Amino acid sequence: MSREGRWADSPFLPGDIVFDWDHPRRKGIVINLPNKQADQWHVPGRGLLSKDNPEYPRDDDVVVLLHYNTLKKELP
């Protein structure tokens, strides 16, 4: 299955460059679309994503991204 077919319902694809709504000056790369909603995704050390970010709907789809700042630190 193509990546476009696998994530046909998502506005994002792995590898897309996006801006973090909470930090608009922070760009990131989409690295995963885990097919989970915010009330199903556990953030290590912080609990459920829906509780960690209560301003977002609990049924929002999870989009995992890697911020460029982190990438630059790890792979200069």
PDB file of N, CA and C in Angstrom:
ATOM      1  N   MET A   1       0.845  -1.178   0.000  1.00  0.00           N
ATOM      2  CA  MET A   1       0.000   0.000   0.000  1.00  0.00           C
ATOM      3  C   MET A   1       0.890   1.241   0.000  1.00  0.00           C
ATOM      4  N   SER A   2       0.537   2.228  -0.783  1.00  0.00           N
ATOM      5  CA  SER A   2       1.313   3.464  -0.837  1.00  0.00           C
ATOM      6  C   SER A   2       1.120   4.259   0.447  1.00  0.00           C
ATOM      7  N   ARG A   3       2.058   5.152   0.725  1.00  0.00           N
ATOM      8  CA  ARG A   3       1.911   5.975   1.925  1.00  0.00           C
ATOM      9  C   ARG A   3       0.701   6.884   1.806  1.00  0.00           C
ATOM     10  N   GLU A   4       0.388   7.340   0.593  1.00  0.00           N
ATOM     11  CA  GLU A   4      -0.796   8.173   0.403  1.00  0.00           C
ATOM     12  C   GLU A   4      -2.069   7.390   0.708  1.00  0.00           C
ATOM     13  N   GLY A   5      -2.099   6.114   0.317  1.00  0.00           N
ATOM     14  CA  GLY A   5      -3.250   5.277   0.600  1.00  0.00           C
ATOM     15  C   GLY A   5      -3.376   4.953   2.075  1.00  0.00           C
ATOM     16  N   ARG A   6      -2.237   4.711   2.715  1.00  0.00           N
ATOM     17  CA  ARG A   6      -2.244   4.364   4.146  1.00  0.00           C
ATOM     18  C   ARG A   6      -2.786   5.496   5.005  1.00  0.00           C
ATOM     19  N   TRP A   7      -2.457   6.736   4.657  1.00  0.00           N
ATOM     20  CA  TRP A   7      -2.890   7.887   5.457  1.00  0.00           C
ATOM     21  C   TRP A   7      -3.825   8.791   4.663  1.00  0.00           C
ATOM     22  N   ALA A   8      -4.717   8.201   3.886  1.00  0.00           N
ATOM     23  CA  ALA A   8      -5.609   8.963   3.009  1.00  0.00           C
ATOM     24  C   ALA A   8      -6.522   9.917   3.764  1.00  0.00           C
ATOM     25  N   ASP A   9      -6.882   9.587   4.994  1.00  0.00           N
ATOM     26  CA  ASP A   9      -7.787  10.431   5.766  1.00  0.00           C
ATOM     27  C   ASP A   9      -7.074  11.544   6.521  1.00  0.00           C
ATOM     28  N   SER A  10      -5.773  11.599   6.459  1.00  0.00           N
ATOM     29  CA  SER A  10      -5.005  12.589   7.214  1.00  0.00           C
ATOM     30  C   SER A  10      -4.566  13.739   6.311  1.00  0.00           C
ATOM     31  N   PRO A  11      -4.576  14.952   6.859  1.00  0.00           N
ATOM     32  CA  PRO A  11      -4.045  16.079   6.075  1.00  0.00           C
ATOM     33  C   PRO A  11      -2.520  16.091   6.043  1.00  0.00           C
ATOM     34  N   PHE A  12      -1.887  15.176   6.793  1.00  0.00           N
ATOM     35  CA  PHE A  12      -0.433  15.120   6.889  1.00  0.00           C
ATOM     36  C   PHE A  12       0.092  13.774   6.403  1.00  0.00           C
ATOM     37  N   LEU A  13       1.350  13.784   6.002  1.00  0.00           N
ATOM     38  CA  LEU A  13       2.075  12.556   5.667  1.00  0.00           C
ATOM     39  C   LEU A  13       3.417  12.600   6.383  1.00  0.00           C
ATOM     40  N   PRO A  14       3.977  11.460   6.766  1.00  0.00           N
ATOM     41  CA  PRO A  14       5.322  11.476   7.325  1.00  0.00           C
ATOM     42  C   PRO A  14       6.282  12.174   6.364  1.00  0.00           C
ATOM     43  N   GLY A  15       7.110  13.028   6.938  1.00  0.00           N
ATOM     44  CA  GLY A  15       8.049  13.804   6.139  1.00  0.00           C
ATOM     45  C   GLY A  15       7.572  15.221   5.857  1.00  0.00           C
ATOM     46  N   ASP A  16       6.281  15.492   6.076  1.00  0.00           N
ATOM     47  CA  ASP A  16       5.771  16.851   5.891  1.00  0.00           C
ATOM     48  C   ASP A  16       6.419  17.793   6.894  1.00  0.00           C
ATOM     49  N   ILE A  17       6.680  19.004   6.457  1.00  0.00           N
ATOM     50  CA  ILE A  17       7.189  20.052   7.340  1.00  0.00           C
ATOM     51  C   ILE A  17       5.992  20.869   7.815  1.00  0.00           C
ATOM     52  N   VAL A  18       5.886  21.033   9.138  1.00  0.00           N
ATOM     53  CA  VAL A  18       4.733  21.714   9.725  1.00  0.00           C
ATOM     54  C   VAL A  18       5.201  22.738  10.755  1.00  0.00           C
ATOM     55  N   PHE A  19       4.289  23.630  11.116  1.00  0.00           N
ATOM     56  CA  PHE A  19       4.519  24.586  12.190  1.00  0.00           C
ATOM     57  C   PHE A  19       3.690  24.164  13.392  1.00  0.00           C
ATOM     58  N   ASP A  20       4.267  24.207  14.571  1.00  0.00           N
ATOM     59  CA  ASP A  20       3.578  23.869  15.811  1.00  0.00           C
ATOM     60  C   ASP A  20       2.634  25.024  16.159  1.00  0.00           C
ATOM     61  N   TRP A  21       1.343  24.757  16.278  1.00  0.00           N
ATOM     62  CA  TRP A  21       0.365  25.805  16.593  1.00  0.00           C
ATOM     63  C   TRP A  21       0.675  26.499  17.908  1.00  0.00           C
ATOM     64  N   ASP A  22       1.176  25.738  18.880  1.00  0.00           N
ATOM     65  CA  ASP A  22       1.488  26.324  20.188  1.00  0.00           C
ATOM     66  C   ASP A  22       2.737  27.193  20.130  1.00  0.00           C
ATOM     67  N   HIS A  23       3.599  26.913  19.185  1.00  0.00           N
ATOM     68  CA  HIS A  23       4.862  27.643  19.030  1.00  0.00           C
ATOM     69  C   HIS A  23       5.076  27.886  17.544  1.00  0.00           C
ATOM     70  N   PRO A  24       4.377  28.874  16.942  1.00  0.00           N
ATOM     71  CA  PRO A  24       4.389  29.038  15.486  1.00  0.00           C
ATOM     72  C   PRO A  24       5.770  29.239  14.864  1.00  0.00           C
ATOM     73  N   ARG A  25       6.748  29.671  15.661  1.00  0.00           N
ATOM     74  CA  ARG A  25       8.084  29.851  15.100  1.00  0.00           C
ATOM     75  C   ARG A  25       8.865  28.542  15.104  1.00  0.00           C
ATOM     76  N   ARG A  26       8.270  27.480  15.646  1.00  0.00           N
ATOM     77  CA  ARG A  26       8.949  26.186  15.712  1.00  0.00           C
ATOM     78  C   ARG A  26       8.455  25.261  14.611  1.00  0.00           C
ATOM     79  N   LYS A  27       9.333  24.985  13.676  1.00  0.00           N
ATOM     80  CA  LYS A  27       9.001  24.054  12.604  1.00  0.00           C
ATOM     81  C   LYS A  27       9.383  22.645  13.037  1.00  0.00           C
ATOM     82  N   GLY A  28       8.656  21.688  12.472  1.00  0.00           N
ATOM     83  CA  GLY A  28       8.961  20.299  12.751  1.00  0.00           C
ATOM     84  C   GLY A  28       8.682  19.428  11.540  1.00  0.00           C
ATOM     85  N   ILE A  29       9.067  18.187  11.653  1.00  0.00           N
ATOM     86  CA  ILE A  29       8.846  17.199  10.601  1.00  0.00           C
ATOM     87  C   ILE A  29       7.914  16.133  11.162  1.00  0.00           C
ATOM     88  N   VAL A  30       6.854  15.818  10.420  1.00  0.00           N
ATOM     89  CA  VAL A  30       5.948  14.748  10.836  1.00  0.00           C
ATOM     90  C   VAL A  30       6.707  13.434  10.733  1.00  0.00           C
ATOM     91  N   ILE A  31       6.777  12.705  11.861  1.00  0.00           N
ATOM     92  CA  ILE A  31       7.508  11.433  11.851  1.00  0.00           C
ATOM     93  C   ILE A  31       6.599  10.231  12.069  1.00  0.00           C
ATOM     94  N   ASN A  32       5.350  10.466  12.516  1.00  0.00           N
ATOM     95  CA  ASN A  32       4.458   9.333  12.752  1.00  0.00           C
ATOM     96  C   ASN A  32       3.010   9.809  12.789  1.00  0.00           C
ATOM     97  N   LEU A  33       2.134   8.981  12.263  1.00  0.00           N
ATOM     98  CA  LEU A  33       0.682   9.156  12.356  1.00  0.00           C
ATOM     99  C   LEU A  33       0.146   7.846  12.925  1.00  0.00           C
ATOM    100  N   PRO A  34       0.098   7.738  14.267  1.00  0.00           N
ATOM    101  CA  PRO A  34      -0.127   6.435  14.897  1.00  0.00           C
ATOM    102  C   PRO A  34      -1.559   5.900  14.879  1.00  0.00           C
ATOM    103  N   ASN A  35      -2.487   6.560  14.217  1.00  0.00           N
ATOM    104  CA  ASN A  35      -3.871   6.096  14.161  1.00  0.00           C
ATOM    105  C   ASN A  35      -4.479   5.984  15.557  1.00  0.00           C
ATOM    106  N   LYS A  36      -4.177   6.977  16.391  1.00  0.00           N
ATOM    107  CA  LYS A  36      -4.714   7.080  17.744  1.00  0.00           C
ATOM    108  C   LYS A  36      -5.268   8.494  17.928  1.00  0.00           C
ATOM    109  N   GLN A  37      -6.186   8.616  18.875  1.00  0.00           N
ATOM    110  CA  GLN A  37      -6.716   9.926  19.221  1.00  0.00           C
ATOM    111  C   GLN A  37      -6.064  10.398  20.516  1.00  0.00           C
ATOM    112  N   ALA A  38      -6.188  11.695  20.790  1.00  0.00           N
ATOM    113  CA  ALA A  38      -5.502  12.297  21.932  1.00  0.00           C
ATOM    114  C   ALA A  38      -5.836  11.614  23.254  1.00  0.00           C
ATOM    115  N   ASP A  39      -7.054  11.106  23.398  1.00  0.00           N
ATOM    116  CA  ASP A  39      -7.405  10.437  24.655  1.00  0.00           C
ATOM    117  C   ASP A  39      -6.947   8.970  24.695  1.00  0.00           C
ATOM    118  N   GLN A  40      -6.183   8.541  23.664  1.00  0.00           N
ATOM    119  CA  GLN A  40      -5.633   7.186  23.616  1.00  0.00           C
ATOM    120  C   GLN A  40      -4.101   7.178  23.626  1.00  0.00           C
ATOM    121  N   TRP A  41      -3.492   8.355  23.516  1.00  0.00           N
ATOM    122  CA  TRP A  41      -2.043   8.439  23.348  1.00  0.00           C
ATOM    123  C   TRP A  41      -1.380   8.835  24.667  1.00  0.00           C
ATOM    124  N   HIS A  42      -0.461   7.999  25.134  1.00  0.00           N
ATOM    125  CA  HIS A  42       0.256   8.243  26.383  1.00  0.00           C
ATOM    126  C   HIS A  42       1.584   8.934  26.092  1.00  0.00           C
ATOM    127  N   VAL A  43       1.788  10.094  26.713  1.00  0.00           N
ATOM    128  CA  VAL A  43       3.043  10.835  26.576  1.00  0.00           C
ATOM    129  C   VAL A  43       3.936  10.425  27.746  1.00  0.00           C
ATOM    130  N   PRO A  44       5.093   9.820  27.488  1.00  0.00           N
ATOM    131  CA  PRO A  44       5.955   9.371  28.580  1.00  0.00           C
ATOM    132  C   PRO A  44       6.263  10.496  29.580  1.00  0.00           C
ATOM    133  N   GLY A  45       6.011  10.186  30.842  1.00  0.00           N
ATOM    134  CA  GLY A  45       6.284  11.151  31.905  1.00  0.00           C
ATOM    135  C   GLY A  45       5.231  12.231  32.081  1.00  0.00           C
ATOM    136  N   ARG A  46       4.210  12.263  31.190  1.00  0.00           N
ATOM    137  CA  ARG A  46       3.206  13.329  31.271  1.00  0.00           C
ATOM    138  C   ARG A  46       1.779  12.807  31.239  1.00  0.00           C
ATOM    139  N   GLY A  47       1.568  11.540  30.932  1.00  0.00           N
ATOM    140  CA  GLY A  47       0.222  10.969  30.921  1.00  0.00           C
ATOM    141  C   GLY A  47      -0.448  11.071  29.565  1.00  0.00           C
ATOM    142  N   LEU A  48      -1.768  11.010  29.579  1.00  0.00           N
ATOM    143  CA  LEU A  48      -2.531  11.071  28.328  1.00  0.00           C
ATOM    144  C   LEU A  48      -2.379  12.427  27.651  1.00  0.00           C
ATOM    145  N   LEU A  49      -2.255  12.397  26.343  1.00  0.00           N
ATOM    146  CA  LEU A  49      -2.116  13.629  25.564  1.00  0.00           C
ATOM    147  C   LEU A  49      -3.309  14.560  25.777  1.00  0.00           C
ATOM    148  N   SER A  50      -4.512  13.995  25.876  1.00  0.00           N
ATOM    149  CA  SER A  50      -5.712  14.818  26.056  1.00  0.00           C
ATOM    150  C   SER A  50      -5.690  15.564  27.387  1.00  0.00           C
ATOM    151  N   LYS A  51      -5.050  15.007  28.397  1.00  0.00           N
ATOM    152  CA  LYS A  51      -4.935  15.695  29.690  1.00  0.00           C
ATOM    153  C   LYS A  51      -3.762  16.663  29.691  1.00  0.00           C
ATOM    154  N   ASP A  52      -2.726  16.336  28.945  1.00  0.00           N
ATOM    155  CA  ASP A  52      -1.546  17.202  28.856  1.00  0.00           C
ATOM    156  C   ASP A  52      -1.850  18.456  28.033  1.00  0.00           C
ATOM    157  N   ASN A  53      -2.765  18.340  27.076  1.00  0.00           N
ATOM    158  CA  ASN A  53      -3.170  19.465  26.215  1.00  0.00           C
ATOM    159  C   ASN A  53      -4.695  19.588  26.223  1.00  0.00           C
ATOM    160  N   PRO A  54      -5.282  20.025  27.332  1.00  0.00           N
ATOM    161  CA  PRO A  54      -6.748  20.047  27.440  1.00  0.00           C
ATOM    162  C   PRO A  54      -7.437  21.034  26.493  1.00  0.00           C
ATOM    163  N   GLU A  55      -6.686  21.951  25.903  1.00  0.00           N
ATOM    164  CA  GLU A  55      -7.300  22.917  24.978  1.00  0.00           C
ATOM    165  C   GLU A  55      -7.639  22.297  23.624  1.00  0.00           C
ATOM    166  N   TYR A  56      -7.106  21.110  23.359  1.00  0.00           N
ATOM    167  CA  TYR A  56      -7.412  20.409  22.110  1.00  0.00           C
ATOM    168  C   TYR A  56      -8.513  19.381  22.341  1.00  0.00           C
ATOM    169  N   PRO A  57      -9.327  19.110  21.324  1.00  0.00           N
ATOM    170  CA  PRO A  57     -10.376  18.087  21.474  1.00  0.00           C
ATOM    171  C   PRO A  57      -9.778  16.711  21.789  1.00  0.00           C
ATOM    172  N   ARG A  58     -10.460  15.984  22.672  1.00  0.00           N
ATOM    173  CA  ARG A  58      -9.996  14.651  23.076  1.00  0.00           C
ATOM    174  C   ARG A  58      -9.953  13.675  21.903  1.00  0.00           C
ATOM    175  N   ASP A  59     -10.783  13.926  20.881  1.00  0.00           N
ATOM    176  CA  ASP A  59     -10.842  13.002  19.748  1.00  0.00           C
ATOM    177  C   ASP A  59      -9.988  13.454  18.561  1.00  0.00           C
ATOM    178  N   ASP A  60      -9.113  14.437  18.771  1.00  0.00           N
ATOM    179  CA  ASP A  60      -8.174  14.836  17.711  1.00  0.00           C
ATOM    180  C   ASP A  60      -7.225  13.691  17.405  1.00  0.00           C
ATOM    181  N   ASP A  61      -6.880  13.531  16.138  1.00  0.00           N
ATOM    182  CA  ASP A  61      -5.897  12.528  15.743  1.00  0.00           C
ATOM    183  C   ASP A  61      -4.507  12.979  16.188  1.00  0.00           C
ATOM    184  N   VAL A  62      -3.704  12.016  16.588  1.00  0.00           N
ATOM    185  CA  VAL A  62      -2.337  12.298  17.025  1.00  0.00           C
ATOM    186  C   VAL A  62      -1.429  12.418  15.805  1.00  0.00           C
ATOM    187  N   VAL A  63      -0.617  13.465  15.797  1.00  0.00           N
ATOM    188  CA  VAL A  63       0.418  13.666  14.790  1.00  0.00           C
ATOM    189  C   VAL A  63       1.721  13.865  15.564  1.00  0.00           C
ATOM    190  N   VAL A  64       2.659  12.958  15.381  1.00  0.00           N
ATOM    191  CA  VAL A  64       3.932  13.042  16.096  1.00  0.00           C
ATOM    192  C   VAL A  64       4.925  13.774  15.203  1.00  0.00           C
ATOM    193  N   LEU A  65       5.551  14.809  15.778  1.00  0.00           N
ATOM    194  CA  LEU A  65       6.547  15.525  14.987  1.00  0.00           C
ATOM    195  C   LEU A  65       7.827  15.706  15.764  1.00  0.00           C
ATOM    196  N   LEU A  66       8.875  15.899  15.038  1.00  0.00           N
ATOM    197  CA  LEU A  66      10.195  16.150  15.600  1.00  0.00           C
ATOM    198  C   LEU A  66      10.542  17.594  15.269  1.00  0.00           C
ATOM    199  N   HIS A  67      10.737  18.413  16.323  1.00  0.00           N
ATOM    200  CA  HIS A  67      11.085  19.820  16.089  1.00  0.00           C
ATOM    201  C   HIS A  67      12.500  19.924  15.524  1.00  0.00           C
ATOM    202  N   TYR A  68      12.684  20.870  14.626  1.00  0.00           N
ATOM    203  CA  TYR A  68      14.003  21.082  14.024  1.00  0.00           C
ATOM    204  C   TYR A  68      15.063  21.365  15.076  1.00  0.00           C
ATOM    205  N   ASN A  69      14.701  22.126  16.126  1.00  0.00           N
ATOM    206  CA  ASN A  69      15.685  22.439  17.167  1.00  0.00           C
ATOM    207  C   ASN A  69      16.240  21.160  17.794  1.00  0.00           C
ATOM    208  N   THR A  70      15.384  20.195  18.052  1.00  0.00           N
ATOM    209  CA  THR A  70      15.816  18.914  18.620  1.00  0.00           C
ATOM    210  C   THR A  70      16.685  18.167  17.622  1.00  0.00           C
ATOM    211  N   LEU A  71      16.268  18.167  16.379  1.00  0.00           N
ATOM    212  CA  LEU A  71      17.042  17.484  15.344  1.00  0.00           C
ATOM    213  C   LEU A  71      18.435  18.080  15.208  1.00  0.00           C
ATOM    214  N   LYS A  72      18.531  19.406  15.245  1.00  0.00           N
ATOM    215  CA  LYS A  72      19.845  20.071  15.143  1.00  0.00           C
ATOM    216  C   LYS A  72      20.751  19.719  16.319  1.00  0.00           C
ATOM    217  N   LYS A  73      20.161  19.599  17.521  1.00  0.00           N
ATOM    218  CA  LYS A  73      20.956  19.238  18.702  1.00  0.00           C
ATOM    219  C   LYS A  73      21.498  17.819  18.604  1.00  0.00           C
ATOM    220  N   GLU A  74      20.649  16.909  18.138  1.00  0.00           N
ATOM    221  CA  GLU A  74      21.018  15.494  18.088  1.00  0.00           C
ATOM    222  C   GLU A  74      21.883  15.138  16.886  1.00  0.00           C
ATOM    223  N   LEU A  75      21.631  15.794  15.754  1.00  0.00           N
ATOM    224  CA  LEU A  75      22.377  15.537  14.527  1.00  0.00           C
ATOM    225  C   LEU A  75      22.861  16.859  13.940  1.00  0.00           C
ATOM    226  N   PRO A  76      23.891  17.446  14.545  1.00  0.00           N
ATOM    227  CA  PRO A  76      24.348  18.777  14.073  1.00  0.00           C
ATOM    228  C   PRO A  76      24.921  18.751  12.671  1.00  0.00           C
TER     229      PRO A  76
END
